[in-house]
């Protein structure tokens, strides 16, 4: 299993990647397009790589408030106004391409 790349260009749709914290993640084509558009510095990928964190003042994955979704990526600073949402499917955290702004 491949390690999670740190650049959206290197991510293939529906491939399963292993983050450094042991989380299995995959991305739909739509999510990759959104990542390329909104996350040129890979901050969201770093947040996904970090895994689950407490919601206040941390970069990482936090609980999603969207119906049907489990976690969302949270970044601070530039680009921090967007969240990429994901849901667990058969033990893999899948990012189908839902982005919200807060």
N, C-alpha and C. Protein backbone atom coordinates (compact mmCIF):
# COMPACT_ATOMS: atom_id res chain seq x y z
N UNK A 1 0.84 -1.19 0.00
CA UNK A 1 0.00 0.00 0.00
C UNK A 1 0.88 1.25 0.00
N UNK A 2 0.51 2.21 -0.83
CA UNK A 2 1.30 3.43 -0.96
C UNK A 2 1.06 4.39 0.20
N UNK A 3 2.09 5.13 0.56
CA UNK A 3 1.95 6.20 1.55
C UNK A 3 1.16 7.34 0.91
N UNK A 4 0.47 8.09 1.75
CA UNK A 4 -0.30 9.23 1.27
C UNK A 4 0.64 10.29 0.70
N UNK A 5 0.48 10.65 -0.59
CA UNK A 5 1.35 11.70 -1.16
C UNK A 5 1.12 13.05 -0.49
N UNK A 6 2.10 13.94 -0.61
CA UNK A 6 1.94 15.27 -0.02
C UNK A 6 1.56 16.31 -1.07
N UNK A 7 1.15 15.82 -2.26
CA UNK A 7 0.77 16.71 -3.35
C UNK A 7 -0.42 16.10 -4.08
N UNK A 8 -1.43 16.92 -4.36
CA UNK A 8 -2.64 16.43 -5.03
C UNK A 8 -2.35 15.87 -6.42
N UNK A 9 -1.33 16.38 -7.08
CA UNK A 9 -0.98 15.92 -8.43
C UNK A 9 -0.64 14.42 -8.43
N UNK A 10 -0.08 13.94 -7.31
CA UNK A 10 0.38 12.55 -7.21
C UNK A 10 -0.70 11.58 -6.76
N UNK A 11 -1.91 12.07 -6.50
CA UNK A 11 -2.98 11.21 -5.99
C UNK A 11 -3.83 10.69 -7.16
N UNK A 12 -4.07 9.40 -7.13
CA UNK A 12 -4.93 8.76 -8.15
C UNK A 12 -6.31 8.52 -7.56
N UNK A 13 -7.37 8.76 -8.36
CA UNK A 13 -8.73 8.53 -7.85
C UNK A 13 -8.93 7.08 -7.42
N UNK A 14 -9.57 6.94 -6.28
CA UNK A 14 -9.98 5.65 -5.73
C UNK A 14 -8.83 4.72 -5.35
N UNK A 15 -7.59 5.17 -5.43
CA UNK A 15 -6.48 4.43 -4.84
C UNK A 15 -6.60 4.54 -3.33
N UNK A 16 -6.20 3.52 -2.62
CA UNK A 16 -6.19 3.58 -1.16
C UNK A 16 -4.77 3.88 -0.71
N UNK A 17 -4.64 4.91 0.11
CA UNK A 17 -3.34 5.32 0.63
C UNK A 17 -3.29 5.13 2.13
N UNK A 18 -2.08 4.94 2.63
CA UNK A 18 -1.87 4.75 4.06
C UNK A 18 -1.20 6.00 4.63
N UNK A 19 -1.88 6.64 5.60
CA UNK A 19 -1.28 7.80 6.23
C UNK A 19 -0.29 7.34 7.30
N UNK A 20 0.54 8.25 7.76
CA UNK A 20 1.57 7.87 8.74
C UNK A 20 0.98 7.42 10.07
N UNK A 21 -0.28 7.82 10.33
CA UNK A 21 -0.91 7.39 11.58
C UNK A 21 -1.72 6.11 11.42
N UNK A 22 -1.59 5.45 10.26
CA UNK A 22 -2.24 4.16 10.05
C UNK A 22 -3.63 4.23 9.46
N UNK A 23 -4.10 5.44 9.14
CA UNK A 23 -5.42 5.61 8.56
C UNK A 23 -5.38 5.30 7.07
N UNK A 24 -6.36 4.54 6.60
CA UNK A 24 -6.50 4.28 5.17
C UNK A 24 -7.40 5.35 4.58
N UNK A 25 -6.94 6.00 3.50
CA UNK A 25 -7.71 7.07 2.89
C UNK A 25 -7.79 6.89 1.38
N UNK A 26 -8.88 7.38 0.78
CA UNK A 26 -9.02 7.38 -0.67
C UNK A 26 -9.74 8.66 -1.08
N UNK A 27 -9.61 9.00 -2.36
CA UNK A 27 -10.13 10.26 -2.86
C UNK A 27 -10.83 10.03 -4.19
N UNK A 28 -12.03 10.59 -4.32
CA UNK A 28 -12.72 10.56 -5.61
C UNK A 28 -12.07 11.59 -6.53
N UNK A 29 -12.28 11.41 -7.83
CA UNK A 29 -11.75 12.34 -8.82
C UNK A 29 -12.16 13.78 -8.50
N UNK A 30 -13.41 13.96 -8.09
CA UNK A 30 -13.92 15.29 -7.77
C UNK A 30 -13.13 15.92 -6.62
N UNK A 31 -12.79 15.11 -5.61
CA UNK A 31 -12.02 15.63 -4.47
C UNK A 31 -10.61 16.06 -4.91
N UNK A 32 -10.01 15.29 -5.79
CA UNK A 32 -8.67 15.62 -6.28
C UNK A 32 -8.71 16.96 -7.03
N UNK A 33 -9.74 17.15 -7.85
CA UNK A 33 -9.89 18.42 -8.56
C UNK A 33 -10.02 19.59 -7.58
N UNK A 34 -10.81 19.40 -6.53
CA UNK A 34 -10.98 20.44 -5.52
C UNK A 34 -9.67 20.69 -4.77
N UNK A 35 -8.94 19.62 -4.50
CA UNK A 35 -7.64 19.77 -3.84
C UNK A 35 -6.67 20.57 -4.69
N UNK A 36 -6.64 20.28 -5.98
CA UNK A 36 -5.76 21.01 -6.89
C UNK A 36 -6.15 22.49 -6.96
N UNK A 37 -7.45 22.74 -6.87
CA UNK A 37 -7.95 24.11 -6.99
C UNK A 37 -7.74 24.92 -5.71
N UNK A 38 -8.03 24.31 -4.56
CA UNK A 38 -8.08 25.06 -3.31
C UNK A 38 -6.93 24.79 -2.34
N UNK A 39 -6.12 23.80 -2.63
CA UNK A 39 -5.10 23.39 -1.64
C UNK A 39 -3.74 23.20 -2.30
N UNK A 40 -3.27 24.25 -2.98
CA UNK A 40 -2.02 24.15 -3.72
C UNK A 40 -0.82 23.82 -2.81
N UNK A 41 -0.88 24.22 -1.55
CA UNK A 41 0.23 23.97 -0.63
C UNK A 41 0.13 22.63 0.10
N UNK A 42 -0.95 21.88 -0.17
CA UNK A 42 -1.10 20.56 0.45
C UNK A 42 -1.41 20.59 1.93
N UNK A 43 -1.94 21.71 2.42
CA UNK A 43 -2.25 21.81 3.86
C UNK A 43 -3.30 20.77 4.28
N UNK A 44 -4.29 20.55 3.42
CA UNK A 44 -5.33 19.58 3.77
C UNK A 44 -4.75 18.16 3.79
N UNK A 45 -3.83 17.88 2.87
CA UNK A 45 -3.19 16.56 2.88
C UNK A 45 -2.37 16.37 4.16
N UNK A 46 -1.71 17.42 4.61
CA UNK A 46 -0.96 17.34 5.88
C UNK A 46 -1.92 17.10 7.04
N UNK A 47 -3.09 17.76 7.00
CA UNK A 47 -4.10 17.57 8.05
C UNK A 47 -4.61 16.13 8.05
N UNK A 48 -4.85 15.58 6.86
CA UNK A 48 -5.31 14.19 6.74
C UNK A 48 -4.22 13.25 7.25
N UNK A 49 -2.99 13.54 6.90
CA UNK A 49 -1.83 12.75 7.33
C UNK A 49 -1.73 12.71 8.86
N UNK A 50 -2.04 13.84 9.49
CA UNK A 50 -1.92 13.95 10.95
C UNK A 50 -2.96 13.10 11.67
N UNK A 51 -4.15 12.99 11.08
CA UNK A 51 -5.21 12.19 11.70
C UNK A 51 -6.09 13.02 12.60
N UNK A 52 -6.86 12.33 13.45
CA UNK A 52 -7.84 12.99 14.30
C UNK A 52 -7.17 13.80 15.40
N UNK A 53 -7.71 15.01 15.61
CA UNK A 53 -7.20 15.93 16.63
C UNK A 53 -8.37 16.56 17.37
N UNK A 54 -8.12 17.15 18.55
CA UNK A 54 -9.19 17.92 19.21
C UNK A 54 -9.60 19.10 18.31
N UNK A 55 -10.88 19.48 18.32
CA UNK A 55 -11.37 20.46 17.34
C UNK A 55 -10.84 21.89 17.50
N UNK A 56 -10.40 22.29 18.67
CA UNK A 56 -10.03 23.69 18.86
C UNK A 56 -8.53 23.92 18.65
N UNK A 57 -8.21 24.78 17.68
CA UNK A 57 -6.84 25.24 17.51
C UNK A 57 -5.86 24.21 16.96
N UNK A 58 -6.36 23.17 16.32
CA UNK A 58 -5.48 22.13 15.79
C UNK A 58 -5.68 21.95 14.29
N UNK A 59 -4.62 21.53 13.63
CA UNK A 59 -4.67 21.12 12.24
C UNK A 59 -4.79 19.60 12.23
N UNK A 60 -5.74 19.08 11.48
CA UNK A 60 -5.91 17.63 11.41
C UNK A 60 -7.33 17.28 11.00
N UNK A 61 -7.77 16.11 11.39
CA UNK A 61 -9.13 15.66 11.09
C UNK A 61 -10.01 15.86 12.33
N UNK A 62 -11.16 16.47 12.12
CA UNK A 62 -12.13 16.69 13.20
C UNK A 62 -13.49 16.17 12.74
N UNK A 63 -14.42 16.02 13.67
CA UNK A 63 -15.74 15.50 13.37
C UNK A 63 -16.48 16.42 12.39
N UNK A 64 -17.08 15.81 11.38
CA UNK A 64 -17.86 16.56 10.39
C UNK A 64 -19.29 16.75 10.90
N UNK A 65 -19.84 17.93 10.68
CA UNK A 65 -21.25 18.18 11.03
C UNK A 65 -22.18 17.87 9.86
N UNK A 66 -21.62 17.53 8.71
CA UNK A 66 -22.45 17.23 7.55
C UNK A 66 -23.09 15.86 7.70
N UNK A 67 -24.37 15.76 7.36
CA UNK A 67 -25.10 14.50 7.46
C UNK A 67 -24.46 13.45 6.55
N UNK A 68 -24.20 12.27 7.11
CA UNK A 68 -23.63 11.18 6.32
C UNK A 68 -22.11 11.20 6.23
N UNK A 69 -21.47 12.18 6.85
CA UNK A 69 -20.00 12.28 6.82
C UNK A 69 -19.45 12.12 8.23
N UNK A 70 -18.25 11.55 8.32
CA UNK A 70 -17.66 11.26 9.63
C UNK A 70 -16.63 12.31 10.06
N UNK A 71 -15.71 12.63 9.17
CA UNK A 71 -14.62 13.54 9.53
C UNK A 71 -14.44 14.59 8.45
N UNK A 72 -13.73 15.66 8.80
CA UNK A 72 -13.37 16.70 7.84
C UNK A 72 -11.96 17.17 8.15
N UNK A 73 -11.28 17.60 7.09
CA UNK A 73 -9.94 18.15 7.29
C UNK A 73 -10.06 19.58 7.76
N UNK A 74 -9.18 19.96 8.68
CA UNK A 74 -9.19 21.31 9.22
C UNK A 74 -7.78 21.86 9.11
N UNK A 75 -7.66 23.02 8.47
CA UNK A 75 -6.37 23.70 8.41
C UNK A 75 -6.54 25.11 8.94
N UNK A 76 -5.45 25.68 9.39
CA UNK A 76 -5.47 27.04 9.93
C UNK A 76 -4.72 27.96 8.99
N UNK A 77 -4.97 29.26 9.11
CA UNK A 77 -4.26 30.23 8.29
C UNK A 77 -4.80 30.28 6.87
N UNK A 78 -3.94 30.60 5.92
CA UNK A 78 -4.36 30.74 4.51
C UNK A 78 -4.94 29.42 4.01
N UNK A 79 -6.13 29.48 3.44
CA UNK A 79 -6.80 28.27 2.97
C UNK A 79 -7.63 27.60 4.05
N UNK A 80 -7.60 28.15 5.25
CA UNK A 80 -8.29 27.53 6.38
C UNK A 80 -9.78 27.74 6.41
N UNK A 81 -10.32 28.44 5.42
CA UNK A 81 -11.76 28.66 5.40
C UNK A 81 -12.53 27.52 4.75
N UNK A 82 -11.82 26.52 4.26
CA UNK A 82 -12.48 25.38 3.63
C UNK A 82 -12.23 24.10 4.42
N UNK A 83 -13.21 23.21 4.35
CA UNK A 83 -13.08 21.88 4.97
C UNK A 83 -13.41 20.84 3.90
N UNK A 84 -12.61 19.78 3.85
CA UNK A 84 -12.89 18.66 2.96
C UNK A 84 -13.49 17.54 3.82
N UNK A 85 -14.69 17.09 3.46
CA UNK A 85 -15.43 16.11 4.27
C UNK A 85 -15.23 14.69 3.73
N UNK A 86 -15.27 13.73 4.65
CA UNK A 86 -15.05 12.33 4.29
C UNK A 86 -15.93 11.43 5.13
N UNK A 87 -16.12 10.22 4.61
CA UNK A 87 -16.89 9.21 5.35
C UNK A 87 -16.16 7.88 5.28
N UNK A 88 -16.34 7.09 6.33
CA UNK A 88 -15.73 5.77 6.35
C UNK A 88 -16.57 4.81 5.52
N UNK A 89 -15.91 4.13 4.59
CA UNK A 89 -16.55 3.08 3.79
C UNK A 89 -15.66 1.85 3.91
N UNK A 90 -16.16 0.81 4.55
CA UNK A 90 -15.39 -0.42 4.76
C UNK A 90 -14.02 -0.15 5.37
N UNK A 91 -13.98 0.74 6.36
CA UNK A 91 -12.73 1.01 7.08
C UNK A 91 -11.79 1.98 6.40
N UNK A 92 -12.18 2.49 5.23
CA UNK A 92 -11.35 3.45 4.49
C UNK A 92 -12.03 4.82 4.56
N UNK A 93 -11.27 5.84 4.93
CA UNK A 93 -11.81 7.19 4.96
C UNK A 93 -11.81 7.74 3.54
N UNK A 94 -13.01 7.88 2.96
CA UNK A 94 -13.15 8.28 1.55
C UNK A 94 -13.60 9.74 1.46
N UNK A 95 -12.87 10.50 0.65
CA UNK A 95 -13.20 11.90 0.38
C UNK A 95 -13.88 11.98 -1.00
N UNK A 96 -15.22 12.08 -1.02
CA UNK A 96 -15.93 12.05 -2.31
C UNK A 96 -15.91 13.39 -3.07
N UNK A 97 -15.58 14.48 -2.38
CA UNK A 97 -15.54 15.77 -3.07
C UNK A 97 -16.48 16.80 -2.48
N UNK A 98 -16.83 16.65 -1.21
CA UNK A 98 -17.66 17.66 -0.55
C UNK A 98 -16.74 18.65 0.17
N UNK A 99 -16.86 19.91 -0.22
CA UNK A 99 -16.09 20.99 0.42
C UNK A 99 -17.09 21.98 0.99
N UNK A 100 -16.87 22.41 2.22
CA UNK A 100 -17.70 23.47 2.80
C UNK A 100 -16.79 24.62 3.21
N UNK A 101 -17.39 25.78 3.32
CA UNK A 101 -16.68 26.94 3.85
C UNK A 101 -17.33 27.28 5.18
N UNK A 102 -16.53 27.77 6.10
CA UNK A 102 -17.11 28.11 7.40
C UNK A 102 -16.89 29.57 7.70
